[in-house]
Amino acid sequence: MFHNGVIGSYAVPGQVRWHKLMINILDYGAVGDGCTDNTFMIQAALDAAAEKRCSVLVPEGHFMTSRLKLSSYCGLVGRASWGYRANGGSILELNDPEATCLIDVSHSYGVTIDGLCLAGGRLGNCVHGI
């Protein structure tokens, strides 16, 4: 439900209660099919979140991407799911063998990352950070 530009929900046991605006990467054209390169769509959502100082929602799905820049006072939020043999929930997977990281938080502060499966796929060159 929306109220004064804020997404909220009724307090239901086991349900997350959001108090800030969340930007959904699907609204920027991201596709969680495990094939599509979503770098530009996810980065556009992150850039919009930086302007509003809010978080970006990564829904359940397998989102392929190259290096993403997370700015100060922003967050990335997904649905946590994990298993020994399979990734699940909200997955961000690196698809660029030349990337230096998956999520760049250099020179950023006040950032949060929660509930995401981050898959490097043994890619990257001199990887640092996340």
C-alpha atoms as a PDB file:
ATOM      1  CA  MET A   1       0.000   0.000   0.000  1.00  0.00           C
ATOM      2  CA  PHE A   2       1.179   3.535  -0.706  1.00  0.00           C
ATOM      3  CA  HIS A   3       0.860   6.458   1.664  1.00  0.00           C
ATOM      4  CA  ASN A   4       2.562   9.803   1.022  1.00  0.00           C
ATOM      5  CA  GLY A   5       5.018   8.209  -1.426  1.00  0.00           C
ATOM      6  CA  VAL A   6       6.080   5.487   1.002  1.00  0.00           C
ATOM      7  CA  ILE A   7       5.535   1.782   0.560  1.00  0.00           C
ATOM      8  CA  GLY A   8       4.201   0.131   3.669  1.00  0.00           C
ATOM      9  CA  SER A   9       2.360  -2.951   4.784  1.00  0.00           C
ATOM     10  CA  TYR A  10       0.276  -4.123   7.648  1.00  0.00           C
ATOM     11  CA  ALA A  11       2.228  -5.887  10.379  1.00  0.00           C
ATOM     12  CA  VAL A  12       1.813  -9.567   9.552  1.00  0.00           C
ATOM     13  CA  PRO A  13       3.965 -12.182  11.330  1.00  0.00           C
ATOM     14  CA  GLY A  14       6.803 -13.272   9.068  1.00  0.00           C
ATOM     15  CA  GLN A  15       6.303 -10.390   6.644  1.00  0.00           C
ATOM     16  CA  VAL A  16       8.803  -7.585   6.160  1.00  0.00           C
ATOM     17  CA  ARG A  17       7.430  -4.157   6.939  1.00  0.00           C
ATOM     18  CA  TRP A  18       8.904  -1.509   4.619  1.00  0.00           C
ATOM     19  CA  HIS A  19       9.092   2.081   5.788  1.00  0.00           C
ATOM     20  CA  LYS A  20      10.986   3.589   2.872  1.00  0.00           C
ATOM     21  CA  LEU A  21      10.509   3.820  -0.818  1.00  0.00           C
ATOM     22  CA  MET A  22      11.737   0.731  -2.666  1.00  0.00           C
ATOM     23  CA  ILE A  23      12.635   0.834  -6.333  1.00  0.00           C
ATOM     24  CA  ASN A  24      11.992  -2.466  -8.126  1.00  0.00           C
ATOM     25  CA  ILE A  25      14.497  -3.434 -10.847  1.00  0.00           C
ATOM     26  CA  LEU A  26      11.633  -4.950 -12.874  1.00  0.00           C
ATOM     27  CA  ASP A  27      10.252  -1.421 -13.299  1.00  0.00           C
ATOM     28  CA  TYR A  28      13.495  -0.590 -15.116  1.00  0.00           C
ATOM     29  CA  GLY A  29      13.240  -3.546 -17.500  1.00  0.00           C
ATOM     30  CA  ALA A  30      15.360  -6.154 -15.717  1.00  0.00           C
ATOM     31  CA  VAL A  31      14.569  -9.779 -16.566  1.00  0.00           C
ATOM     32  CA  GLY A  32      15.417 -12.601 -14.151  1.00  0.00           C
ATOM     33  CA  ASP A  33      15.760 -15.380 -16.717  1.00  0.00           C
ATOM     34  CA  GLY A  34      19.442 -16.222 -16.112  1.00  0.00           C
ATOM     35  CA  CYS A  35      20.389 -15.137 -19.662  1.00  0.00           C
ATOM     36  CA  THR A  36      19.598 -11.461 -20.190  1.00  0.00           C
ATOM     37  CA  ASP A  37      22.308  -8.906 -19.385  1.00  0.00           C
ATOM     38  CA  ASN A  38      20.601  -6.622 -16.856  1.00  0.00           C
ATOM     39  CA  THR A  39      23.560  -4.353 -16.097  1.00  0.00           C
ATOM     40  CA  PHE A  40      22.075  -1.140 -17.519  1.00  0.00           C
ATOM     41  CA  MET A  41      18.591  -1.748 -16.083  1.00  0.00           C
ATOM     42  CA  ILE A  42      19.832  -2.516 -12.570  1.00  0.00           C
ATOM     43  CA  GLN A  43      22.309   0.388 -12.643  1.00  0.00           C
ATOM     44  CA  ALA A  44      19.497   2.740 -13.707  1.00  0.00           C
ATOM     45  CA  ALA A  45      17.463   1.608 -10.685  1.00  0.00           C
ATOM     46  CA  LEU A  46      20.514   2.089  -8.428  1.00  0.00           C
ATOM     47  CA  ASP A  47      21.099   5.584  -9.827  1.00  0.00           C
ATOM     48  CA  ALA A  48      17.455   6.517  -9.177  1.00  0.00           C
ATOM     49  CA  ALA A  49      17.771   5.159  -5.634  1.00  0.00           C
ATOM     50  CA  ALA A  50      20.874   7.289  -5.081  1.00  0.00           C
ATOM     51  CA  GLU A  51      18.864  10.412  -5.880  1.00  0.00           C
ATOM     52  CA  LYS A  52      16.131   9.401  -3.402  1.00  0.00           C
ATOM     53  CA  ARG A  53      18.401   7.795  -0.783  1.00  0.00           C
ATOM     54  CA  CYS A  54      16.399   4.584  -0.794  1.00  0.00           C
ATOM     55  CA  SER A  55      16.793   0.886  -1.540  1.00  0.00           C
ATOM     56  CA  VAL A  56      16.476  -1.195  -4.682  1.00  0.00           C
ATOM     57  CA  LEU A  57      14.422  -4.382  -4.612  1.00  0.00           C
ATOM     58  CA  VAL A  58      15.744  -7.415  -6.482  1.00  0.00           C
ATOM     59  CA  PRO A  59      12.785  -9.817  -6.660  1.00  0.00           C
ATOM     60  CA  GLU A  60      13.111 -13.575  -6.982  1.00  0.00           C
ATOM     61  CA  GLY A  61      14.897 -14.448 -10.202  1.00  0.00           C
ATOM     62  CA  HIS A  62      18.308 -15.005 -11.748  1.00  0.00           C
ATOM     63  CA  PHE A  63      19.676 -11.628 -12.878  1.00  0.00           C
ATOM     64  CA  MET A  64      22.881 -11.610 -14.953  1.00  0.00           C
ATOM     65  CA  THR A  65      24.951  -8.444 -14.660  1.00  0.00           C
ATOM     66  CA  SER A  66      28.378  -6.907 -14.911  1.00  0.00           C
ATOM     67  CA  ARG A  67      29.858  -4.520 -12.324  1.00  0.00           C
ATOM     68  CA  LEU A  68      27.268  -2.443 -10.474  1.00  0.00           C
ATOM     69  CA  LYS A  69      28.021   0.764  -8.541  1.00  0.00           C
ATOM     70  CA  LEU A  70      26.163   1.179  -5.239  1.00  0.00           C
ATOM     71  CA  SER A  71      26.167   4.822  -4.123  1.00  0.00           C
ATOM     72  CA  SER A  72      26.067   6.225  -0.605  1.00  0.00           C
ATOM     73  CA  TYR A  73      22.859   5.847   1.419  1.00  0.00           C
ATOM     74  CA  CYS A  74      21.426   3.187  -0.887  1.00  0.00           C
ATOM     75  CA  GLY A  75      20.607  -0.438  -0.365  1.00  0.00           C
ATOM     76  CA  LEU A  76      20.083  -3.632  -2.344  1.00  0.00           C
ATOM     77  CA  VAL A  77      17.393  -5.909  -0.961  1.00  0.00           C
ATOM     78  CA  GLY A  78      16.346  -9.348  -2.155  1.00  0.00           C
ATOM     79  CA  ARG A  79      14.546 -12.481  -1.017  1.00  0.00           C
ATOM     80  CA  ALA A  80      17.014 -14.711   0.751  1.00  0.00           C
ATOM     81  CA  SER A  81      17.075 -18.377  -0.212  1.00  0.00           C
ATOM     82  CA  TRP A  82      20.046 -20.692  -0.089  1.00  0.00           C
ATOM     83  CA  GLY A  83      20.977 -24.328  -0.500  1.00  0.00           C
ATOM     84  CA  TYR A  84      24.118 -26.409  -0.695  1.00  0.00           C
ATOM     85  CA  ARG A  85      23.681 -27.348  -4.336  1.00  0.00           C
ATOM     86  CA  ALA A  86      21.542 -24.615  -5.853  1.00  0.00           C
ATOM     87  CA  ASN A  87      21.166 -20.874  -5.733  1.00  0.00           C
ATOM     88  CA  GLY A  88      17.704 -19.494  -5.176  1.00  0.00           C
ATOM     89  CA  GLY A  89      15.658 -16.454  -4.289  1.00  0.00           C
ATOM     90  CA  SER A  90      17.108 -13.192  -5.588  1.00  0.00           C
ATOM     91  CA  ILE A  91      20.291 -13.966  -7.533  1.00  0.00           C
ATOM     92  CA  LEU A  92      22.785 -11.487  -8.984  1.00  0.00           C
ATOM     93  CA  GLU A  93      25.347 -13.297 -11.137  1.00  0.00           C
ATOM     94  CA  LEU A  94      28.468 -11.808 -12.673  1.00  0.00           C
ATOM     95  CA  ASN A  95      28.567 -12.245 -16.458  1.00  0.00           C
ATOM     96  CA  ASP A  96      31.691 -10.223 -17.289  1.00  0.00           C
ATOM     97  CA  PRO A  97      35.077 -11.985 -17.124  1.00  0.00           C
ATOM     98  CA  GLU A  98      36.853  -8.581 -17.136  1.00  0.00           C
ATOM     99  CA  ALA A  99      34.898  -7.151 -14.176  1.00  0.00           C
ATOM    100  CA  THR A 100      36.844  -6.135 -11.091  1.00  0.00           C
ATOM    101  CA  CYS A 101      33.872  -6.896  -8.823  1.00  0.00           C
ATOM    102  CA  LEU A 102      30.135  -7.571  -8.857  1.00  0.00           C
ATOM    103  CA  ILE A 103      29.029  -4.712  -6.571  1.00  0.00           C
ATOM    104  CA  ASP A 104      31.346  -1.727  -6.273  1.00  0.00           C
ATOM    105  CA  VAL A 105      30.917   0.167  -3.002  1.00  0.00           C
ATOM    106  CA  SER A 106      34.161   2.165  -3.357  1.00  0.00           C
ATOM    107  CA  HIS A 107      33.882   5.653  -1.846  1.00  0.00           C
ATOM    108  CA  SER A 108      30.326   4.898  -0.691  1.00  0.00           C
ATOM    109  CA  TYR A 109      29.071   4.916   2.867  1.00  0.00           C
ATOM    110  CA  GLY A 110      25.774   4.094   4.534  1.00  0.00           C
ATOM    111  CA  VAL A 111      25.075   1.248   2.078  1.00  0.00           C
ATOM    112  CA  THR A 112      23.259  -2.000   2.867  1.00  0.00           C
ATOM    113  CA  ILE A 113      23.009  -5.319   1.043  1.00  0.00           C
ATOM    114  CA  ASP A 114      20.507  -7.847   2.337  1.00  0.00           C
ATOM    115  CA  GLY A 115      18.890 -11.083   1.198  1.00  0.00           C
ATOM    116  CA  LEU A 116      20.783 -11.603  -2.064  1.00  0.00           C
ATOM    117  CA  CYS A 117      22.559 -14.610  -3.503  1.00  0.00           C
ATOM    118  CA  LEU A 118      25.713 -13.214  -5.109  1.00  0.00           C
ATOM    119  CA  ALA A 119      27.262 -15.570  -7.682  1.00  0.00           C
ATOM    120  CA  GLY A 120      30.689 -14.774  -9.111  1.00  0.00           C
ATOM    121  CA  GLY A 121      30.851 -17.784 -11.385  1.00  0.00           C
ATOM    122  CA  ARG A 122      34.646 -17.763 -11.036  1.00  0.00           C
ATOM    123  CA  LEU A 123      34.702 -14.718 -13.309  1.00  0.00           C
ATOM    124  CA  GLY A 124      36.477 -11.429 -12.886  1.00  0.00           C
ATOM    125  CA  ASN A 125      40.004 -10.113 -13.176  1.00  0.00           C
ATOM    126  CA  CYS A 126      41.848  -9.151  -9.952  1.00  0.00           C
ATOM    127  CA  VAL A 127      38.510  -9.007  -8.153  1.00  0.00           C
ATOM    128  CA  HIS A 128      38.268  -6.756  -5.119  1.00  0.00           C
ATOM    129  CA  GLY A 129      35.246  -5.768  -3.041  1.00  0.00           C
ATOM    130  CA  ILE A 130      32.004  -7.601  -3.413  1.00  0.00           C
END
